[in-house]
C-alpha cells in the first residue's frame, strides 16, 4: 500500500477541504456584499424618510433598528458552538477507537492465556484421577482389616 495509500487518502481529504474553503469564501463575500447593500438602502431610505416622515416616527424607527442590532449581536455564535461540538464528537470517536484497540489486545492476551492454561488443566484433571484411584485402592485393605 505504502505511498499510494497515503496519496489516495490525501486526495480524499484535499478536495473536501478545498470545497469547505470555497464555501467559506463564497459565504464571506455574500455577507460582505449584503452588508454593503443594506447600508446603501438604509442611507437612501433614511434620507428619503427624513424629508417625508415626522421626527418622532424616525426616532422610534431608529430605536427599533438599534434594538434589533443589539438582539442580533447578542445571539449565540452557532458556528463556534458547532465547531466545539464537532471537535467533541471527533474526540469521542478517537476514544472509542483507542478502547477498541485495547480490547482487541486484551482479547489476544486472554486467548494466549487460555491456550497456556489448557495443558495445566488437563494435567490437573489427570492428577485428580490418580489421587482418587490411589486413595480408593489404599482404602480397601484398611476396610478388610476392620
C-alpha atoms as a PDB file:
ATOM      1  CA  UNK A   1       0.000   0.000   0.000  1.00  0.00           C
ATOM      2  CA  UNK A   2       2.814   2.412   1.021  1.00  0.00           C
ATOM      3  CA  UNK A   3       2.903   5.774  -0.627  1.00  0.00           C
ATOM      4  CA  UNK A   4      -0.085   5.134  -2.916  1.00  0.00           C
ATOM      5  CA  UNK A   5      -2.358   4.647   0.143  1.00  0.00           C
ATOM      6  CA  UNK A   6      -1.142   7.924   1.617  1.00  0.00           C
ATOM      7  CA  UNK A   7      -1.683   9.768  -1.650  1.00  0.00           C
ATOM      8  CA  UNK A   8      -5.166   8.297  -2.034  1.00  0.00           C
ATOM      9  CA  UNK A   9      -6.063   9.365   1.496  1.00  0.00           C
ATOM     10  CA  UNK A  10      -4.654  12.844   0.916  1.00  0.00           C
ATOM     11  CA  UNK A  11      -6.624  13.205  -2.314  1.00  0.00           C
ATOM     12  CA  UNK A  12      -9.817  12.254  -0.492  1.00  0.00           C
ATOM     13  CA  UNK A  13      -9.397  14.952   2.161  1.00  0.00           C
ATOM     14  CA  UNK A  14      -7.868  17.601  -0.135  1.00  0.00           C
ATOM     15  CA  UNK A  15     -10.925  18.361  -2.327  1.00  0.00           C
ATOM     16  CA  UNK A  16     -13.161  18.316   0.741  1.00  0.00           C
ATOM     17  CA  UNK A  17     -11.036  20.956   2.460  1.00  0.00           C
ATOM     18  CA  UNK A  18     -10.860  22.994  -0.745  1.00  0.00           C
ATOM     19  CA  UNK A  19     -14.651  22.765  -1.061  1.00  0.00           C
ATOM     20  CA  UNK A  20     -15.088  23.942   2.543  1.00  0.00           C
ATOM     21  CA  UNK A  21     -12.665  26.779   1.875  1.00  0.00           C
ATOM     22  CA  UNK A  22     -14.573  27.876  -1.223  1.00  0.00           C
ATOM     23  CA  UNK A  23     -17.880  27.674   0.659  1.00  0.00           C
ATOM     24  CA  UNK A  24     -16.467  29.869   3.442  1.00  0.00           C
ATOM     25  CA  UNK A  25     -15.017  32.299   0.915  1.00  0.00           C
ATOM     26  CA  UNK A  26     -18.271  32.493  -1.030  1.00  0.00           C
ATOM     27  CA  UNK A  27     -20.274  32.946   2.165  1.00  0.00           C
ATOM     28  CA  UNK A  28     -17.959  35.738   3.348  1.00  0.00           C
ATOM     29  CA  UNK A  29     -18.270  37.552   0.003  1.00  0.00           C
ATOM     30  CA  UNK A  30     -22.059  37.170   0.065  1.00  0.00           C
ATOM     31  CA  UNK A  31     -22.295  38.556   3.610  1.00  0.00           C
ATOM     32  CA  UNK A  32     -19.989  41.453   2.797  1.00  0.00           C
ATOM     33  CA  UNK A  33     -21.983  42.356  -0.322  1.00  0.00           C
ATOM     34  CA  UNK A  34     -25.265  42.049   1.586  1.00  0.00           C
ATOM     35  CA  UNK A  35     -23.973  44.362   4.347  1.00  0.00           C
ATOM     36  CA  UNK A  36     -22.951  46.987   1.792  1.00  0.00           C
ATOM     37  CA  UNK A  37     -26.341  46.764   0.071  1.00  0.00           C
ATOM     38  CA  UNK A  38     -28.231  47.088   3.355  1.00  0.00           C
ATOM     39  CA  UNK A  39     -26.125  50.130   4.319  1.00  0.00           C
ATOM     40  CA  UNK A  40     -26.777  51.806   0.980  1.00  0.00           C
ATOM     41  CA  UNK A  41     -30.526  51.099   1.167  1.00  0.00           C
ATOM     42  CA  UNK A  42     -30.611  52.367   4.766  1.00  0.00           C
ATOM     43  CA  UNK A  43     -28.812  55.588   3.782  1.00  0.00           C
ATOM     44  CA  UNK A  44     -31.093  56.169   0.815  1.00  0.00           C
ATOM     45  CA  UNK A  45     -34.188  55.291   2.816  1.00  0.00           C
ATOM     46  CA  UNK A  46     -33.038  57.438   5.728  1.00  0.00           C
ATOM     47  CA  UNK A  47     -32.522  60.469   3.503  1.00  0.00           C
ATOM     48  CA  UNK A  48     -35.885  59.992   1.820  1.00  0.00           C
ATOM     49  CA  UNK A  49     -37.676  59.280   5.089  1.00  0.00           C
ATOM     50  CA  UNK A  50     -36.278  62.404   6.756  1.00  0.00           C
ATOM     51  CA  UNK A  51     -37.849  64.516   4.049  1.00  0.00           C
ATOM     52  CA  UNK A  52     -41.325  62.915   4.407  1.00  0.00           C
ATOM     53  CA  UNK A  53     -41.673  61.212   7.804  1.00  0.00           C
ATOM     54  CA  UNK A  54     -42.038  63.163  11.063  1.00  0.00           C
ATOM     55  CA  UNK A  55     -39.110  63.161  13.524  1.00  0.00           C
ATOM     56  CA  UNK A  56     -40.995  61.176  16.189  1.00  0.00           C
ATOM     57  CA  UNK A  57     -41.529  58.275  13.771  1.00  0.00           C
ATOM     58  CA  UNK A  58     -37.892  58.397  12.654  1.00  0.00           C
ATOM     59  CA  UNK A  59     -36.624  58.274  16.257  1.00  0.00           C
ATOM     60  CA  UNK A  60     -38.898  55.270  17.007  1.00  0.00           C
ATOM     61  CA  UNK A  61     -37.638  53.502  13.907  1.00  0.00           C
ATOM     62  CA  UNK A  62     -34.039  54.281  14.867  1.00  0.00           C
ATOM     63  CA  UNK A  63     -34.545  52.866  18.379  1.00  0.00           C
ATOM     64  CA  UNK A  64     -36.202  49.777  16.905  1.00  0.00           C
ATOM     65  CA  UNK A  65     -33.296  49.236  14.498  1.00  0.00           C
ATOM     66  CA  UNK A  66     -30.754  49.700  17.312  1.00  0.00           C
ATOM     67  CA  UNK A  67     -32.701  47.204  19.407  1.00  0.00           C
ATOM     68  CA  UNK A  68     -32.739  44.712  16.532  1.00  0.00           C
ATOM     69  CA  UNK A  69     -28.986  45.164  16.039  1.00  0.00           C
ATOM     70  CA  UNK A  70     -28.364  44.506  19.746  1.00  0.00           C
ATOM     71  CA  UNK A  71     -30.516  41.368  19.565  1.00  0.00           C
ATOM     72  CA  UNK A  72     -28.612  40.067  16.543  1.00  0.00           C
ATOM     73  CA  UNK A  73     -25.225  40.835  18.115  1.00  0.00           C
ATOM     74  CA  UNK A  74     -26.167  39.112  21.369  1.00  0.00           C
ATOM     75  CA  UNK A  75     -27.349  35.965  19.567  1.00  0.00           C
ATOM     76  CA  UNK A  76     -25.127  32.934  20.167  1.00  0.00           C
ATOM     77  CA  UNK A  77     -22.373  32.233  17.690  1.00  0.00           C
ATOM     78  CA  UNK A  78     -23.698  28.989  16.232  1.00  0.00           C
ATOM     79  CA  UNK A  79     -20.635  28.444  14.073  1.00  0.00           C
ATOM     80  CA  UNK A  80     -18.288  28.455  17.066  1.00  0.00           C
ATOM     81  CA  UNK A  81     -20.605  26.195  19.072  1.00  0.00           C
ATOM     82  CA  UNK A  82     -20.912  23.802  16.145  1.00  0.00           C
ATOM     83  CA  UNK A  83     -17.123  23.695  15.822  1.00  0.00           C
ATOM     84  CA  UNK A  84     -16.832  22.736  19.507  1.00  0.00           C
ATOM     85  CA  UNK A  85     -19.456  20.007  19.129  1.00  0.00           C
ATOM     86  CA  UNK A  86     -17.662  18.603  16.078  1.00  0.00           C
ATOM     87  CA  UNK A  87     -14.354  18.537  17.975  1.00  0.00           C
ATOM     88  CA  UNK A  88     -16.035  16.730  20.862  1.00  0.00           C
ATOM     89  CA  UNK A  89     -17.593  14.147  18.529  1.00  0.00           C
ATOM     90  CA  UNK A  90     -14.214  13.575  16.879  1.00  0.00           C
ATOM     91  CA  UNK A  91     -12.520  13.175  20.276  1.00  0.00           C
ATOM     92  CA  UNK A  92     -15.152  10.644  21.346  1.00  0.00           C
ATOM     93  CA  UNK A  93     -14.641   8.674  18.142  1.00  0.00           C
ATOM     94  CA  UNK A  94     -10.887   8.612  18.788  1.00  0.00           C
ATOM     95  CA  UNK A  95     -11.553   7.433  22.343  1.00  0.00           C
ATOM     96  CA  UNK A  96     -13.767   4.623  21.055  1.00  0.00           C
ATOM     97  CA  UNK A  97     -11.088   3.608  18.559  1.00  0.00           C
ATOM     98  CA  UNK A  98      -8.469   3.542  21.333  1.00  0.00           C
ATOM     99  CA  UNK A  99     -10.711   1.480  23.615  1.00  0.00           C
ATOM    100  CA  UNK A 100     -11.490  -0.908  20.765  1.00  0.00           C
ATOM    101  CA  UNK A 101      -7.763  -1.381  20.116  1.00  0.00           C
ATOM    102  CA  UNK A 102      -7.124  -2.004  23.820  1.00  0.00           C
ATOM    103  CA  UNK A 103      -9.959  -4.554  23.930  1.00  0.00           C
ATOM    104  CA  UNK A 104      -8.546  -6.355  20.885  1.00  0.00           C
ATOM    105  CA  UNK A 105      -5.132  -6.601  22.576  1.00  0.00           C
ATOM    106  CA  UNK A 106      -6.741  -7.810  25.794  1.00  0.00           C
ATOM    107  CA  UNK A 107      -8.702 -10.440  23.853  1.00  0.00           C
ATOM    108  CA  UNK A 108      -5.478 -11.663  22.233  1.00  0.00           C
ATOM    109  CA  UNK A 109      -3.775 -11.851  25.628  1.00  0.00           C
ATOM    110  CA  UNK A 110      -6.695 -13.788  27.131  1.00  0.00           C
ATOM    111  CA  UNK A 111      -6.672 -16.206  24.198  1.00  0.00           C
ATOM    112  CA  UNK A 112      -2.960 -16.917  24.749  1.00  0.00           C
ATOM    113  CA  UNK A 113      -3.531 -17.338  28.499  1.00  0.00           C
ATOM    114  CA  UNK A 114      -6.416 -19.710  27.841  1.00  0.00           C
ATOM    115  CA  UNK A 115      -4.293 -21.827  25.497  1.00  0.00           C
ATOM    116  CA  UNK A 116      -1.422 -21.790  28.015  1.00  0.00           C
ATOM    117  CA  UNK A 117      -3.683 -22.946  30.844  1.00  0.00           C
ATOM    118  CA  UNK A 118      -5.286 -25.786  28.860  1.00  0.00           C
ATOM    119  CA  UNK A 119      -2.356 -28.248  29.399  1.00  0.00           C
ATOM    120  CA  UNK A 120      -2.282 -27.335  33.091  1.00  0.00           C
ATOM    121  CA  UNK A 121      -5.989 -28.051  33.342  1.00  0.00           C
ATOM    122  CA  UNK A 122      -5.536 -31.432  31.612  1.00  0.00           C
ATOM    123  CA  UNK A 123      -2.646 -32.267  33.959  1.00  0.00           C
ATOM    124  CA  UNK A 124      -4.767 -31.238  36.976  1.00  0.00           C
ATOM    125  CA  UNK A 125      -7.613 -33.496  35.812  1.00  0.00           C
ATOM    126  CA  UNK A 126      -5.198 -36.423  35.407  1.00  0.00           C
ATOM    127  CA  UNK A 127      -3.701 -35.759  38.840  1.00  0.00           C
ATOM    128  CA  UNK A 128      -7.165 -35.766  40.408  1.00  0.00           C
ATOM    129  CA  UNK A 129      -7.908 -39.123  38.774  1.00  0.00           C
ATOM    130  CA  UNK A 130      -4.590 -40.580  40.025  1.00  0.00           C
ATOM    131  CA  UNK A 131      -5.220 -39.262  43.543  1.00  0.00           C
ATOM    132  CA  UNK A 132      -8.745 -40.675  43.536  1.00  0.00           C
ATOM    133  CA  UNK A 133      -7.522 -44.056  42.323  1.00  0.00           C
ATOM    134  CA  UNK A 134      -4.721 -44.171  44.898  1.00  0.00           C
ATOM    135  CA  UNK A 135      -7.000 -43.174  47.761  1.00  0.00           C
ATOM    136  CA  UNK A 136      -9.613 -45.785  46.865  1.00  0.00           C
ATOM    137  CA  UNK A 137      -7.048 -48.512  46.337  1.00  0.00           C
ATOM    138  CA  UNK A 138      -5.494 -47.804  49.744  1.00  0.00           C
ATOM    139  CA  UNK A 139      -8.881 -47.694  51.479  1.00  0.00           C
ATOM    140  CA  UNK A 140      -9.800 -51.283  50.505  1.00  0.00           C
ATOM    141  CA  UNK A 141      -7.162 -53.082  52.580  1.00  0.00           C
ATOM    142  CA  UNK A 142      -7.938 -50.861  55.597  1.00  0.00           C
ATOM    143  CA  UNK A 143     -11.639 -51.797  55.429  1.00  0.00           C
ATOM    144  CA  UNK A 144     -10.877 -55.535  55.096  1.00  0.00           C
ATOM    145  CA  UNK A 145      -8.826 -55.434  58.324  1.00  0.00           C
ATOM    146  CA  UNK A 146     -11.599 -53.799  60.312  1.00  0.00           C
END
